[in-house]
PDB file of N, CA and C in Angstrom:
ATOM      1  N   UNK A   1     -34.637   7.049  20.985  1.00  0.00           N
ATOM      2  CA  UNK A   1     -33.776   8.130  21.482  1.00  0.00           C
ATOM      3  C   UNK A   1     -33.990   9.415  20.679  1.00  0.00           C
ATOM      4  N   UNK A   2     -34.093   9.310  19.344  1.00  0.00           N
ATOM      5  CA  UNK A   2     -34.296  10.498  18.525  1.00  0.00           C
ATOM      6  C   UNK A   2     -35.600  11.207  18.890  1.00  0.00           C
ATOM      7  N   UNK A   3     -36.630  10.403  19.206  1.00  0.00           N
ATOM      8  CA  UNK A   3     -37.912  10.987  19.591  1.00  0.00           C
ATOM      9  C   UNK A   3     -37.787  11.729  20.928  1.00  0.00           C
ATOM     10  N   UNK A   4     -37.000  11.178  21.831  1.00  0.00           N
ATOM     11  CA  UNK A   4     -36.768  11.824  23.121  1.00  0.00           C
ATOM     12  C   UNK A   4     -36.036  13.145  22.928  1.00  0.00           C
ATOM     13  N   UNK A   5     -35.011  13.149  22.092  1.00  0.00           N
ATOM     14  CA  UNK A   5     -34.256  14.381  21.838  1.00  0.00           C
ATOM     15  C   UNK A   5     -35.151  15.429  21.184  1.00  0.00           C
ATOM     16  N   UNK A   6     -36.002  14.997  20.279  1.00  0.00           N
ATOM     17  CA  UNK A   6     -36.944  15.919  19.633  1.00  0.00           C
ATOM     18  C   UNK A   6     -37.880  16.537  20.677  1.00  0.00           C
ATOM     19  N   UNK A   7     -38.372  15.719  21.589  1.00  0.00           N
ATOM     20  CA  UNK A   7     -39.264  16.198  22.645  1.00  0.00           C
ATOM     21  C   UNK A   7     -38.528  17.135  23.607  1.00  0.00           C
ATOM     22  N   UNK A   8     -37.265  16.843  23.900  1.00  0.00           N
ATOM     23  CA  UNK A   8     -36.455  17.727  24.746  1.00  0.00           C
ATOM     24  C   UNK A   8     -36.337  19.099  24.084  1.00  0.00           C
ATOM     25  N   UNK A   9     -36.017  19.113  22.796  1.00  0.00           N
ATOM     26  CA  UNK A   9     -35.852  20.384  22.072  1.00  0.00           C
ATOM     27  C   UNK A   9     -37.164  21.157  22.017  1.00  0.00           C
ATOM     28  N   UNK A  10     -38.268  20.460  21.802  1.00  0.00           N
ATOM     29  CA  UNK A  10     -39.581  21.118  21.780  1.00  0.00           C
ATOM     30  C   UNK A  10     -39.906  21.727  23.142  1.00  0.00           C
ATOM     31  N   UNK A  11     -39.591  21.012  24.198  1.00  0.00           N
ATOM     32  CA  UNK A  11     -39.857  21.510  25.548  1.00  0.00           C
ATOM     33  C   UNK A  11     -38.967  22.708  25.863  1.00  0.00           C
ATOM     34  N   UNK A  12     -37.707  22.663  25.455  1.00  0.00           N
ATOM     35  CA  UNK A  12     -36.819  23.818  25.657  1.00  0.00           C
ATOM     36  C   UNK A  12     -37.347  25.033  24.894  1.00  0.00           C
ATOM     37  N   UNK A  13     -37.942  24.799  23.728  1.00  0.00           N
ATOM     38  CA  UNK A  13     -38.529  25.910  22.962  1.00  0.00           C
ATOM     39  C   UNK A  13     -39.683  26.558  23.727  1.00  0.00           C
ATOM     40  N   UNK A  14     -40.388  25.772  24.549  1.00  0.00           N
ATOM     41  CA  UNK A  14     -41.495  26.313  25.349  1.00  0.00           C
ATOM     42  C   UNK A  14     -40.987  27.209  26.479  1.00  0.00           C
ATOM     43  N   UNK A  15     -39.841  26.849  27.078  1.00  0.00           N
ATOM     44  CA  UNK A  15     -39.322  27.633  28.207  1.00  0.00           C
ATOM     45  C   UNK A  15     -38.426  28.790  27.746  1.00  0.00           C
ATOM     46  N   UNK A  16     -37.951  28.708  26.506  1.00  0.00           N
ATOM     47  CA  UNK A  16     -37.024  29.711  25.980  1.00  0.00           C
ATOM     48  C   UNK A  16     -37.534  31.156  26.122  1.00  0.00           C
ATOM     49  N   UNK A  17     -38.809  31.452  25.819  1.00  0.00           N
ATOM     50  CA  UNK A  17     -39.274  32.842  25.952  1.00  0.00           C
ATOM     51  C   UNK A  17     -39.114  33.411  27.360  1.00  0.00           C
ATOM     52  N   UNK A  18     -39.257  32.572  28.382  1.00  0.00           N
ATOM     53  CA  UNK A  18     -39.099  33.036  29.758  1.00  0.00           C
ATOM     54  C   UNK A  18     -37.639  33.371  30.055  1.00  0.00           C
ATOM     55  N   UNK A  19     -36.745  32.578  29.503  1.00  0.00           N
ATOM     56  CA  UNK A  19     -35.316  32.819  29.688  1.00  0.00           C
ATOM     57  C   UNK A  19     -34.884  34.040  28.881  1.00  0.00           C
ATOM     58  N   UNK A  20     -35.454  34.188  27.677  1.00  0.00           N
ATOM     59  CA  UNK A  20     -35.142  35.336  26.822  1.00  0.00           C
ATOM     60  C   UNK A  20     -35.528  36.657  27.486  1.00  0.00           C
ATOM     61  N   UNK A  21     -36.578  36.644  28.288  1.00  0.00           N
ATOM     62  CA  UNK A  21     -37.027  37.879  28.969  1.00  0.00           C
ATOM     63  C   UNK A  21     -35.951  38.454  29.874  1.00  0.00           C
ATOM     64  N   UNK A  22     -35.098  37.582  30.398  1.00  0.00           N
ATOM     65  CA  UNK A  22     -34.006  38.031  31.264  1.00  0.00           C
ATOM     66  C   UNK A  22     -32.712  38.238  30.487  1.00  0.00           C
ATOM     67  N   UNK A  23     -32.808  38.183  29.153  1.00  0.00           N
ATOM     68  CA  UNK A  23     -31.631  38.414  28.324  1.00  0.00           C
ATOM     69  C   UNK A  23     -30.770  37.187  28.109  1.00  0.00           C
ATOM     70  N   UNK A  24     -31.317  36.016  28.412  1.00  0.00           N
ATOM     71  CA  UNK A  24     -30.538  34.798  28.271  1.00  0.00           C
ATOM     72  C   UNK A  24     -31.128  33.843  27.246  1.00  0.00           C
ATOM     73  N   UNK A  25     -30.526  32.689  27.146  1.00  0.00           N
ATOM     74  CA  UNK A  25     -31.018  31.645  26.252  1.00  0.00           C
ATOM     75  C   UNK A  25     -30.480  30.304  26.733  1.00  0.00           C
ATOM     76  N   UNK A  26     -31.082  29.232  26.249  1.00  0.00           N
ATOM     77  CA  UNK A  26     -30.644  27.883  26.588  1.00  0.00           C
ATOM     78  C   UNK A  26     -30.445  27.125  25.280  1.00  0.00           C
ATOM     79  N   UNK A  27     -29.372  26.342  25.230  1.00  0.00           N
ATOM     80  CA  UNK A  27     -29.045  25.579  24.027  1.00  0.00           C
ATOM     81  C   UNK A  27     -28.872  24.106  24.394  1.00  0.00           C
ATOM     82  N   UNK A  28     -29.588  23.235  23.703  1.00  0.00           N
ATOM     83  CA  UNK A  28     -29.447  21.787  23.901  1.00  0.00           C
ATOM     84  C   UNK A  28     -28.091  21.353  23.353  1.00  0.00           C
ATOM     85  N   UNK A  29     -27.373  20.532  24.128  1.00  0.00           N
ATOM     86  CA  UNK A  29     -26.075  20.022  23.682  1.00  0.00           C
ATOM     87  C   UNK A  29     -26.133  18.510  23.466  1.00  0.00           C
ATOM     88  N   UNK A  30     -26.627  17.756  24.471  1.00  0.00           N
ATOM     89  CA  UNK A  30     -26.650  16.306  24.338  1.00  0.00           C
ATOM     90  C   UNK A  30     -27.587  15.696  25.381  1.00  0.00           C
ATOM     91  N   UNK A  31     -27.898  14.427  25.189  1.00  0.00           N
ATOM     92  CA  UNK A  31     -28.717  13.658  26.123  1.00  0.00           C
ATOM     93  C   UNK A  31     -28.007  12.329  26.346  1.00  0.00           C
ATOM     94  N   UNK A  32     -27.455  12.152  27.557  1.00  0.00           N
ATOM     95  CA  UNK A  32     -26.647  10.969  27.863  1.00  0.00           C
ATOM     96  C   UNK A  32     -27.135  10.348  29.173  1.00  0.00           C
ATOM     97  N   UNK A  33     -27.508   9.094  29.120  1.00  0.00           N
ATOM     98  CA  UNK A  33     -27.910   8.342  30.319  1.00  0.00           C
ATOM     99  C   UNK A  33     -28.946   9.083  31.169  1.00  0.00           C
ATOM    100  N   UNK A  34     -29.947   9.662  30.515  1.00  0.00           N
ATOM    101  CA  UNK A  34     -31.026  10.331  31.229  1.00  0.00           C
ATOM    102  C   UNK A  34     -30.755  11.775  31.602  1.00  0.00           C
ATOM    103  N   UNK A  35     -29.556  12.259  31.330  1.00  0.00           N
ATOM    104  CA  UNK A  35     -29.200  13.633  31.687  1.00  0.00           C
ATOM    105  C   UNK A  35     -29.171  14.495  30.427  1.00  0.00           C
ATOM    106  N   UNK A  36     -29.856  15.623  30.491  1.00  0.00           N
ATOM    107  CA  UNK A  36     -29.843  16.601  29.401  1.00  0.00           C
ATOM    108  C   UNK A  36     -28.732  17.595  29.694  1.00  0.00           C
ATOM    109  N   UNK A  37     -27.850  17.793  28.733  1.00  0.00           N
ATOM    110  CA  UNK A  37     -26.757  18.755  28.872  1.00  0.00           C
ATOM    111  C   UNK A  37     -27.072  19.982  28.034  1.00  0.00           C
ATOM    112  N   UNK A  38     -26.949  21.155  28.661  1.00  0.00           N
ATOM    113  CA  UNK A  38     -27.279  22.414  28.000  1.00  0.00           C
ATOM    114  C   UNK A  38     -26.164  23.436  28.194  1.00  0.00           C
ATOM    115  N   UNK A  39     -26.167  24.414  27.326  1.00  0.00           N
ATOM    116  CA  UNK A  39     -25.346  25.617  27.502  1.00  0.00           C
ATOM    117  C   UNK A  39     -26.295  26.759  27.782  1.00  0.00           C
ATOM    118  N   UNK A  40     -25.964  27.578  28.744  1.00  0.00           N
ATOM    119  CA  UNK A  40     -26.734  28.787  29.008  1.00  0.00           C
ATOM    120  C   UNK A  40     -26.001  29.932  28.321  1.00  0.00           C
ATOM    121  N   UNK A  41     -26.758  30.790  27.662  1.00  0.00           N
ATOM    122  CA  UNK A  41     -26.147  31.854  26.863  1.00  0.00           C
ATOM    123  C   UNK A  41     -26.656  33.220  27.308  1.00  0.00           C
ATOM    124  N   UNK A  42     -26.029  34.244  26.769  1.00  0.00           N
ATOM    125  CA  UNK A  42     -26.430  35.614  27.070  1.00  0.00           C
ATOM    126  C   UNK A  42     -26.260  35.929  28.539  1.00  0.00           C
ATOM    127  N   UNK A  43     -27.237  36.637  29.087  1.00  0.00           N
ATOM    128  CA  UNK A  43     -27.174  37.049  30.490  1.00  0.00           C
ATOM    129  C   UNK A  43     -27.146  35.847  31.438  1.00  0.00           C
ATOM    130  N   UNK A  44     -27.689  34.715  31.003  1.00  0.00           N
ATOM    131  CA  UNK A  44     -27.728  33.525  31.862  1.00  0.00           C
ATOM    132  C   UNK A  44     -26.358  32.860  32.009  1.00  0.00           C
ATOM    133  N   UNK A  45     -25.471  33.088  31.070  1.00  0.00           N
ATOM    134  CA  UNK A  45     -24.171  32.415  31.089  1.00  0.00           C
ATOM    135  C   UNK A  45     -23.355  32.776  32.328  1.00  0.00           C
ATOM    136  N   UNK A  46     -23.451  34.020  32.772  1.00  0.00           N
ATOM    137  CA  UNK A  46     -22.662  34.470  33.920  1.00  0.00           C
ATOM    138  C   UNK A  46     -23.513  34.796  35.143  1.00  0.00           C
ATOM    139  N   UNK A  47     -24.772  34.397  35.106  1.00  0.00           N
ATOM    140  CA  UNK A  47     -25.692  34.745  36.183  1.00  0.00           C
ATOM    141  C   UNK A  47     -25.417  33.916  37.436  1.00  0.00           C
ATOM    142  N   UNK A  48     -25.535  34.559  38.583  1.00  0.00           N
ATOM    143  CA  UNK A  48     -25.338  33.859  39.859  1.00  0.00           C
ATOM    144  C   UNK A  48     -26.447  32.836  40.109  1.00  0.00           C
ATOM    145  N   UNK A  49     -27.583  33.011  39.458  1.00  0.00           N
ATOM    146  CA  UNK A  49     -28.723  32.118  39.675  1.00  0.00           C
ATOM    147  C   UNK A  49     -28.810  31.001  38.645  1.00  0.00           C
ATOM    148  N   UNK A  50     -27.727  30.748  37.922  1.00  0.00           N
ATOM    149  CA  UNK A  50     -27.757  29.743  36.859  1.00  0.00           C
ATOM    150  C   UNK A  50     -28.166  28.365  37.377  1.00  0.00           C
ATOM    151  N   UNK A  51     -27.670  27.980  38.546  1.00  0.00           N
ATOM    152  CA  UNK A  51     -28.025  26.669  39.106  1.00  0.00           C
ATOM    153  C   UNK A  51     -29.508  26.591  39.436  1.00  0.00           C
ATOM    154  N   UNK A  52     -30.062  27.679  39.939  1.00  0.00           N
ATOM    155  CA  UNK A  52     -31.487  27.731  40.265  1.00  0.00           C
ATOM    156  C   UNK A  52     -32.317  27.675  38.996  1.00  0.00           C
ATOM    157  N   UNK A  53     -31.903  28.407  37.970  1.00  0.00           N
ATOM    158  CA  UNK A  53     -32.624  28.397  36.700  1.00  0.00           C
ATOM    159  C   UNK A  53     -32.671  26.981  36.141  1.00  0.00           C
ATOM    160  N   UNK A  54     -31.565  26.284  36.237  1.00  0.00           N
ATOM    161  CA  UNK A  54     -31.519  24.914  35.709  1.00  0.00           C
ATOM    162  C   UNK A  54     -32.322  23.964  36.587  1.00  0.00           C
ATOM    163  N   UNK A  55     -32.064  23.936  37.899  1.00  0.00           N
ATOM    164  CA  UNK A  55     -32.704  22.939  38.767  1.00  0.00           C
ATOM    165  C   UNK A  55     -34.164  23.237  39.068  1.00  0.00           C
ATOM    166  N   UNK A  56     -34.515  24.492  39.304  1.00  0.00           N
ATOM    167  CA  UNK A  56     -35.893  24.829  39.680  1.00  0.00           C
ATOM    168  C   UNK A  56     -36.772  25.201  38.488  1.00  0.00           C
ATOM    169  N   UNK A  57     -36.172  25.302  37.316  1.00  0.00           N
ATOM    170  CA  UNK A  57     -36.946  25.678  36.138  1.00  0.00           C
ATOM    171  C   UNK A  57     -36.850  24.635  35.047  1.00  0.00           C
ATOM    172  N   UNK A  58     -35.756  24.659  34.335  1.00  0.00           N
ATOM    173  CA  UNK A  58     -35.581  23.801  33.165  1.00  0.00           C
ATOM    174  C   UNK A  58     -35.690  22.316  33.533  1.00  0.00           C
ATOM    175  N   UNK A  59     -35.010  21.907  34.588  1.00  0.00           N
ATOM    176  CA  UNK A  59     -34.995  20.497  34.973  1.00  0.00           C
ATOM    177  C   UNK A  59     -36.390  19.996  35.338  1.00  0.00           C
ATOM    178  N   UNK A  60     -37.112  20.750  36.141  1.00  0.00           N
ATOM    179  CA  UNK A  60     -38.451  20.328  36.562  1.00  0.00           C
ATOM    180  C   UNK A  60     -39.372  20.161  35.358  1.00  0.00           C
ATOM    181  N   UNK A  61     -39.338  21.119  34.452  1.00  0.00           N
ATOM    182  CA  UNK A  61     -40.212  21.065  33.273  1.00  0.00           C
ATOM    183  C   UNK A  61     -39.845  19.884  32.378  1.00  0.00           C
ATOM    184  N   UNK A  62     -38.547  19.692  32.131  1.00  0.00           N
ATOM    185  CA  UNK A  62     -38.136  18.572  31.277  1.00  0.00           C
ATOM    186  C   UNK A  62     -38.475  17.231  31.911  1.00  0.00           C
ATOM    187  N   UNK A  63     -38.296  17.105  33.216  1.00  0.00           N
ATOM    188  CA  UNK A  63     -38.607  15.841  33.887  1.00  0.00           C
ATOM    189  C   UNK A  63     -40.103  15.544  33.857  1.00  0.00           C
ATOM    190  N   UNK A  64     -40.921  16.591  33.892  1.00  0.00           N
ATOM    191  CA  UNK A  64     -42.370  16.399  33.849  1.00  0.00           C
ATOM    192  C   UNK A  64     -42.859  16.072  32.447  1.00  0.00           C
ATOM    193  N   UNK A  65     -42.245  16.675  31.426  1.00  0.00           N
ATOM    194  CA  UNK A  65     -42.775  16.563  30.071  1.00  0.00           C
ATOM    195  C   UNK A  65     -42.087  15.529  29.189  1.00  0.00           C
ATOM    196  N   UNK A  66     -40.893  15.096  29.572  1.00  0.00           N
ATOM    197  CA  UNK A  66     -40.150  14.172  28.706  1.00  0.00           C
ATOM    198  C   UNK A  66     -39.811  12.894  29.492  1.00  0.00           C
ATOM    199  N   UNK A  67     -40.453  11.780  29.141  1.00  0.00           N
ATOM    200  CA  UNK A  67     -40.139  10.515  29.809  1.00  0.00           C
ATOM    201  C   UNK A  67     -38.662  10.154  29.607  1.00  0.00           C
ATOM    202  N   UNK A  68     -38.023   9.728  30.677  1.00  0.00           N
ATOM    203  CA  UNK A  68     -36.630   9.315  30.588  1.00  0.00           C
ATOM    204  C   UNK A  68     -35.627  10.363  31.019  1.00  0.00           C
ATOM    205  N   UNK A  69     -36.083  11.615  31.166  1.00  0.00           N
ATOM    206  CA  UNK A  69     -35.169  12.666  31.633  1.00  0.00           C
ATOM    207  C   UNK A  69     -35.063  12.572  33.148  1.00  0.00           C
ATOM    208  N   UNK A  70     -33.823  12.423  33.631  1.00  0.00           N
ATOM    209  CA  UNK A  70     -33.573  12.285  35.059  1.00  0.00           C
ATOM    210  C   UNK A  70     -32.971  13.547  35.665  1.00  0.00           C
ATOM    211  N   UNK A  71     -32.463  14.444  34.820  1.00  0.00           N
ATOM    212  CA  UNK A  71     -31.843  15.653  35.319  1.00  0.00           C
ATOM    213  C   UNK A  71     -31.309  16.508  34.190  1.00  0.00           C
ATOM    214  N   UNK A  72     -30.839  17.697  34.563  1.00  0.00           N
ATOM    215  CA  UNK A  72     -30.263  18.641  33.606  1.00  0.00           C
ATOM    216  C   UNK A  72     -28.968  19.177  34.198  1.00  0.00           C
ATOM    217  N   UNK A  73     -27.925  19.219  33.378  1.00  0.00           N
ATOM    218  CA  UNK A  73     -26.633  19.749  33.809  1.00  0.00           C
ATOM    219  C   UNK A  73     -26.057  20.635  32.708  1.00  0.00           C
ATOM    220  N   UNK A  74     -25.107  21.463  33.105  1.00  0.00           N
ATOM    221  CA  UNK A  74     -24.394  22.271  32.125  1.00  0.00           C
ATOM    222  C   UNK A  74     -23.500  21.379  31.275  1.00  0.00           C
ATOM    223  N   UNK A  75     -23.317  21.751  30.027  1.00  0.00           N
ATOM    224  CA  UNK A  75     -22.482  20.969  29.114  1.00  0.00           C
ATOM    225  C   UNK A  75     -21.055  20.840  29.634  1.00  0.00           C
ATOM    226  N   UNK A  76     -20.609  21.805  30.408  1.00  0.00           N
ATOM    227  CA  UNK A  76     -19.256  21.748  30.967  1.00  0.00           C
ATOM    228  C   UNK A  76     -19.084  20.586  31.952  1.00  0.00           C
ATOM    229  N   UNK A  77     -20.201  20.002  32.389  1.00  0.00           N
ATOM    230  CA  UNK A  77     -20.170  18.868  33.313  1.00  0.00           C
ATOM    231  C   UNK A  77     -20.318  17.522  32.609  1.00  0.00           C
ATOM    232  N   UNK A  78     -20.328  17.541  31.264  1.00  0.00           N
ATOM    233  CA  UNK A  78     -20.494  16.292  30.506  1.00  0.00           C
ATOM    234  C   UNK A  78     -19.318  15.351  30.760  1.00  0.00           C
ATOM    235  N   UNK A  79     -19.623  14.063  30.828  1.00  0.00           N
ATOM    236  CA  UNK A  79     -18.532  13.092  30.976  1.00  0.00           C
ATOM    237  C   UNK A  79     -17.693  13.063  29.698  1.00  0.00           C
ATOM    238  N   UNK A  80     -16.412  12.800  29.863  1.00  0.00           N
ATOM    239  CA  UNK A  80     -15.548  12.717  28.690  1.00  0.00           C
ATOM    240  C   UNK A  80     -15.861  11.454  27.921  1.00  0.00           C
ATOM    241  N   UNK A  81     -15.871  11.585  26.597  1.00  0.00           N
ATOM    242  CA  UNK A  81     -16.133  10.411  25.755  1.00  0.00           C
ATOM    243  C   UNK A  81     -14.886   9.555  25.708  1.00  0.00           C
ATOM    244  N   UNK A  82     -15.110   8.246  25.768  1.00  0.00           N
ATOM    245  CA  UNK A  82     -13.976   7.310  25.778  1.00  0.00           C
ATOM    246  C   UNK A  82     -13.612   6.903  24.366  1.00  0.00           C
TER     247      UNK A  82
END
């Protein structure tokens, strides 16, 4: 699991410059049951295209480059810990 999280963070570092160009950023929060949870920051936090950025950008890249990643969601959608 630690190796997977390390690979997720490395992959996010690869996409970060593209997000930074639009004045935004992405922050890794957690990896639970195949889902990567992130916070979008800066201009991306309130952007109308946030869902597209996640599903058509970040999610596709993470699913291609990191075995075990099934999807990406905002941290606000994380399941509550029991």
